[in-house]
């Protein structure tokens, strides 16, 4: 159900919590959140202006934060790239992580016929250290 504070927060802040929750779910799909994943989650939390209390709450209660996808295509693809970055933070993309990324890609509105190509492009570019802008140029 959530807290009283959750009832009064803005839609944008709620969306940011939903995004962070999805990153947490990806990080824990292999059964644990390792130190590298925690570091990346903390960087994302900072970018999303989430407090340490909010981060703790989301990690402890992931089912309380639904995914609220961005409206425009660029922001949806940015989020998709961030998901791939999370899966690759430890240098290995687990098959469970890759399957979950595909599900999130569909949830973010990526055409199912294009998803595999977009996913592979993003994975390759993330592994190569490409910038967000360079990746987006290829997949937009």
C-alpha atoms as a PDB file:
ATOM      1  CA  UNK A   1       0.000   0.000   0.000  1.00  0.00           C
ATOM      2  CA  UNK A   2       2.838   2.422   0.706  1.00  0.00           C
ATOM      3  CA  UNK A   3       3.419   5.273   3.089  1.00  0.00           C
ATOM      4  CA  UNK A   4       1.550   8.569   3.417  1.00  0.00           C
ATOM      5  CA  UNK A   5       4.556  10.307   1.846  1.00  0.00           C
ATOM      6  CA  UNK A   6       4.220   8.041  -1.212  1.00  0.00           C
ATOM      7  CA  UNK A   7       0.627   9.217  -1.656  1.00  0.00           C
ATOM      8  CA  UNK A   8       1.728  12.857  -1.977  1.00  0.00           C
ATOM      9  CA  UNK A   9       4.877  12.607  -4.068  1.00  0.00           C
ATOM     10  CA  UNK A  10       4.992  13.912  -7.629  1.00  0.00           C
ATOM     11  CA  UNK A  11       4.471  11.678 -10.630  1.00  0.00           C
ATOM     12  CA  UNK A  12       8.041  12.377 -11.735  1.00  0.00           C
ATOM     13  CA  UNK A  13       9.477  11.325  -8.369  1.00  0.00           C
ATOM     14  CA  UNK A  14       7.289   8.228  -8.346  1.00  0.00           C
ATOM     15  CA  UNK A  15       8.556   7.411 -11.841  1.00  0.00           C
ATOM     16  CA  UNK A  16      12.154   7.777 -10.647  1.00  0.00           C
ATOM     17  CA  UNK A  17      11.479   5.366  -7.775  1.00  0.00           C
ATOM     18  CA  UNK A  18       9.905   2.926 -10.229  1.00  0.00           C
ATOM     19  CA  UNK A  19      12.949   3.132 -12.457  1.00  0.00           C
ATOM     20  CA  UNK A  20      15.293   2.614  -9.530  1.00  0.00           C
ATOM     21  CA  UNK A  21      13.227  -0.365  -8.397  1.00  0.00           C
ATOM     22  CA  UNK A  22      13.621  -1.945 -11.821  1.00  0.00           C
ATOM     23  CA  UNK A  23      17.376  -1.489 -11.593  1.00  0.00           C
ATOM     24  CA  UNK A  24      17.274  -3.183  -8.180  1.00  0.00           C
ATOM     25  CA  UNK A  25      15.255  -6.075  -9.626  1.00  0.00           C
ATOM     26  CA  UNK A  26      17.804  -6.515 -12.413  1.00  0.00           C
ATOM     27  CA  UNK A  27      20.669  -6.398  -9.925  1.00  0.00           C
ATOM     28  CA  UNK A  28      19.101  -9.111  -7.780  1.00  0.00           C
ATOM     29  CA  UNK A  29      17.852 -11.406 -10.561  1.00  0.00           C
ATOM     30  CA  UNK A  30      20.882 -13.665 -10.006  1.00  0.00           C
ATOM     31  CA  UNK A  31      19.937 -13.993  -6.328  1.00  0.00           C
ATOM     32  CA  UNK A  32      22.248 -11.360  -4.848  1.00  0.00           C
ATOM     33  CA  UNK A  33      23.312  -7.759  -5.195  1.00  0.00           C
ATOM     34  CA  UNK A  34      27.104  -7.612  -5.255  1.00  0.00           C
ATOM     35  CA  UNK A  35      29.279  -4.636  -4.312  1.00  0.00           C
ATOM     36  CA  UNK A  36      29.736  -3.409  -7.902  1.00  0.00           C
ATOM     37  CA  UNK A  37      25.973  -3.460  -8.395  1.00  0.00           C
ATOM     38  CA  UNK A  38      25.462  -1.590  -5.104  1.00  0.00           C
ATOM     39  CA  UNK A  39      27.957   1.068  -6.265  1.00  0.00           C
ATOM     40  CA  UNK A  40      26.129   1.502  -9.575  1.00  0.00           C
ATOM     41  CA  UNK A  41      22.743   1.539  -7.837  1.00  0.00           C
ATOM     42  CA  UNK A  42      24.026   4.298  -5.547  1.00  0.00           C
ATOM     43  CA  UNK A  43      25.209   6.326  -8.557  1.00  0.00           C
ATOM     44  CA  UNK A  44      21.807   5.925 -10.215  1.00  0.00           C
ATOM     45  CA  UNK A  45      20.063   6.853  -6.952  1.00  0.00           C
ATOM     46  CA  UNK A  46      22.118  10.034  -6.755  1.00  0.00           C
ATOM     47  CA  UNK A  47      21.271  10.938 -10.361  1.00  0.00           C
ATOM     48  CA  UNK A  48      17.610  10.305  -9.583  1.00  0.00           C
ATOM     49  CA  UNK A  49      17.777  12.456  -6.414  1.00  0.00           C
ATOM     50  CA  UNK A  50      16.747   9.575  -4.154  1.00  0.00           C
ATOM     51  CA  UNK A  51      17.702   9.685  -0.484  1.00  0.00           C
ATOM     52  CA  UNK A  52      19.476   6.815   1.254  1.00  0.00           C
ATOM     53  CA  UNK A  53      16.230   6.135   3.152  1.00  0.00           C
ATOM     54  CA  UNK A  54      14.305   5.873  -0.117  1.00  0.00           C
ATOM     55  CA  UNK A  55      16.949   3.560  -1.566  1.00  0.00           C
ATOM     56  CA  UNK A  56      16.766   1.316   1.504  1.00  0.00           C
ATOM     57  CA  UNK A  57      12.941   1.272   1.346  1.00  0.00           C
ATOM     58  CA  UNK A  58      12.938   0.335  -2.347  1.00  0.00           C
ATOM     59  CA  UNK A  59      15.504  -2.430  -1.870  1.00  0.00           C
ATOM     60  CA  UNK A  60      13.588  -3.856   1.100  1.00  0.00           C
ATOM     61  CA  UNK A  61      10.092  -3.493  -0.468  1.00  0.00           C
ATOM     62  CA  UNK A  62      10.478  -3.822  -4.244  1.00  0.00           C
ATOM     63  CA  UNK A  63       6.846  -4.778  -4.853  1.00  0.00           C
ATOM     64  CA  UNK A  64       5.691  -1.345  -3.638  1.00  0.00           C
ATOM     65  CA  UNK A  65       7.170   0.476  -6.645  1.00  0.00           C
ATOM     66  CA  UNK A  66       5.662  -0.186 -10.082  1.00  0.00           C
ATOM     67  CA  UNK A  67       7.419   0.598 -13.334  1.00  0.00           C
ATOM     68  CA  UNK A  68       6.184   3.879 -14.805  1.00  0.00           C
ATOM     69  CA  UNK A  69       7.754   4.175 -18.249  1.00  0.00           C
ATOM     70  CA  UNK A  70       8.769   7.560 -19.649  1.00  0.00           C
ATOM     71  CA  UNK A  71       6.512   9.069 -22.289  1.00  0.00           C
ATOM     72  CA  UNK A  72       8.978   9.855 -25.066  1.00  0.00           C
ATOM     73  CA  UNK A  73      11.010   7.370 -27.081  1.00  0.00           C
ATOM     74  CA  UNK A  74      14.434   8.838 -26.251  1.00  0.00           C
ATOM     75  CA  UNK A  75      13.838   8.608 -22.489  1.00  0.00           C
ATOM     76  CA  UNK A  76      12.546   5.036 -22.825  1.00  0.00           C
ATOM     77  CA  UNK A  77      15.676   4.053 -24.746  1.00  0.00           C
ATOM     78  CA  UNK A  78      17.891   5.854 -22.190  1.00  0.00           C
ATOM     79  CA  UNK A  79      16.251   3.800 -19.476  1.00  0.00           C
ATOM     80  CA  UNK A  80      16.821   0.645 -21.497  1.00  0.00           C
ATOM     81  CA  UNK A  81      20.523   1.513 -21.844  1.00  0.00           C
ATOM     82  CA  UNK A  82      20.700   2.070 -18.078  1.00  0.00           C
ATOM     83  CA  UNK A  83      19.193  -1.373 -17.513  1.00  0.00           C
ATOM     84  CA  UNK A  84      21.861  -2.912 -19.749  1.00  0.00           C
ATOM     85  CA  UNK A  85      24.555  -0.955 -17.895  1.00  0.00           C
ATOM     86  CA  UNK A  86      23.299  -2.476 -14.637  1.00  0.00           C
ATOM     87  CA  UNK A  87      23.469  -6.006 -16.001  1.00  0.00           C
ATOM     88  CA  UNK A  88      26.996  -5.455 -17.273  1.00  0.00           C
ATOM     89  CA  UNK A  89      28.428  -3.750 -14.178  1.00  0.00           C
ATOM     90  CA  UNK A  90      30.103  -6.968 -13.036  1.00  0.00           C
ATOM     91  CA  UNK A  91      31.387  -7.673 -16.568  1.00  0.00           C
ATOM     92  CA  UNK A  92      29.036 -10.622 -17.056  1.00  0.00           C
ATOM     93  CA  UNK A  93      25.476 -10.585 -18.325  1.00  0.00           C
ATOM     94  CA  UNK A  94      23.745 -13.537 -16.731  1.00  0.00           C
ATOM     95  CA  UNK A  95      21.106 -15.302 -18.902  1.00  0.00           C
ATOM     96  CA  UNK A  96      18.458 -14.412 -16.293  1.00  0.00           C
ATOM     97  CA  UNK A  97      19.527 -10.764 -16.475  1.00  0.00           C
ATOM     98  CA  UNK A  98      19.331 -10.810 -20.264  1.00  0.00           C
ATOM     99  CA  UNK A  99      15.846 -12.325 -20.162  1.00  0.00           C
ATOM    100  CA  UNK A 100      14.713  -9.668 -17.695  1.00  0.00           C
ATOM    101  CA  UNK A 101      16.207  -6.918 -19.863  1.00  0.00           C
ATOM    102  CA  UNK A 102      14.122  -8.219 -22.764  1.00  0.00           C
ATOM    103  CA  UNK A 103      10.972  -8.051 -20.638  1.00  0.00           C
ATOM    104  CA  UNK A 104      11.760  -4.502 -19.584  1.00  0.00           C
ATOM    105  CA  UNK A 105      12.473  -3.581 -23.197  1.00  0.00           C
ATOM    106  CA  UNK A 106       8.974  -4.709 -24.129  1.00  0.00           C
ATOM    107  CA  UNK A 107       7.545  -2.887 -21.084  1.00  0.00           C
ATOM    108  CA  UNK A 108       9.338   0.263 -22.225  1.00  0.00           C
ATOM    109  CA  UNK A 109       7.601   0.029 -25.584  1.00  0.00           C
ATOM    110  CA  UNK A 110      10.442  -1.256 -27.735  1.00  0.00           C
ATOM    111  CA  UNK A 111       8.990  -3.080 -30.735  1.00  0.00           C
ATOM    112  CA  UNK A 112       9.319  -6.817 -30.087  1.00  0.00           C
ATOM    113  CA  UNK A 113      10.542  -7.368 -33.662  1.00  0.00           C
ATOM    114  CA  UNK A 114      13.376  -4.853 -33.147  1.00  0.00           C
ATOM    115  CA  UNK A 115      14.159  -5.713 -29.533  1.00  0.00           C
ATOM    116  CA  UNK A 116      16.808  -8.373 -30.166  1.00  0.00           C
ATOM    117  CA  UNK A 117      18.804  -6.126 -32.514  1.00  0.00           C
ATOM    118  CA  UNK A 118      18.492  -3.097 -30.230  1.00  0.00           C
ATOM    119  CA  UNK A 119      19.422  -5.169 -27.192  1.00  0.00           C
ATOM    120  CA  UNK A 120      22.506  -6.625 -28.893  1.00  0.00           C
ATOM    121  CA  UNK A 121      23.618  -3.196 -30.133  1.00  0.00           C
ATOM    122  CA  UNK A 122      23.232  -1.707 -26.670  1.00  0.00           C
ATOM    123  CA  UNK A 123      25.020  -4.637 -24.988  1.00  0.00           C
ATOM    124  CA  UNK A 124      27.951  -4.419 -27.416  1.00  0.00           C
ATOM    125  CA  UNK A 125      28.214  -0.644 -27.063  1.00  0.00           C
ATOM    126  CA  UNK A 126      27.964  -0.726 -23.258  1.00  0.00           C
ATOM    127  CA  UNK A 127      30.702  -3.357 -23.119  1.00  0.00           C
ATOM    128  CA  UNK A 128      32.823  -1.184 -25.446  1.00  0.00           C
ATOM    129  CA  UNK A 129      32.342   1.820 -23.152  1.00  0.00           C
ATOM    130  CA  UNK A 130      30.329   3.900 -25.633  1.00  0.00           C
ATOM    131  CA  UNK A 131      28.605   7.034 -24.361  1.00  0.00           C
ATOM    132  CA  UNK A 132      24.835   7.240 -23.889  1.00  0.00           C
ATOM    133  CA  UNK A 133      24.586   9.686 -26.812  1.00  0.00           C
ATOM    134  CA  UNK A 134      26.566   7.408 -29.149  1.00  0.00           C
ATOM    135  CA  UNK A 135      24.386   4.428 -28.219  1.00  0.00           C
ATOM    136  CA  UNK A 136      21.182   6.404 -28.699  1.00  0.00           C
ATOM    137  CA  UNK A 137      22.266   7.612 -32.136  1.00  0.00           C
ATOM    138  CA  UNK A 138      22.477   3.971 -33.220  1.00  0.00           C
ATOM    139  CA  UNK A 139      19.156   2.818 -31.746  1.00  0.00           C
ATOM    140  CA  UNK A 140      16.862   5.829 -32.219  1.00  0.00           C
END
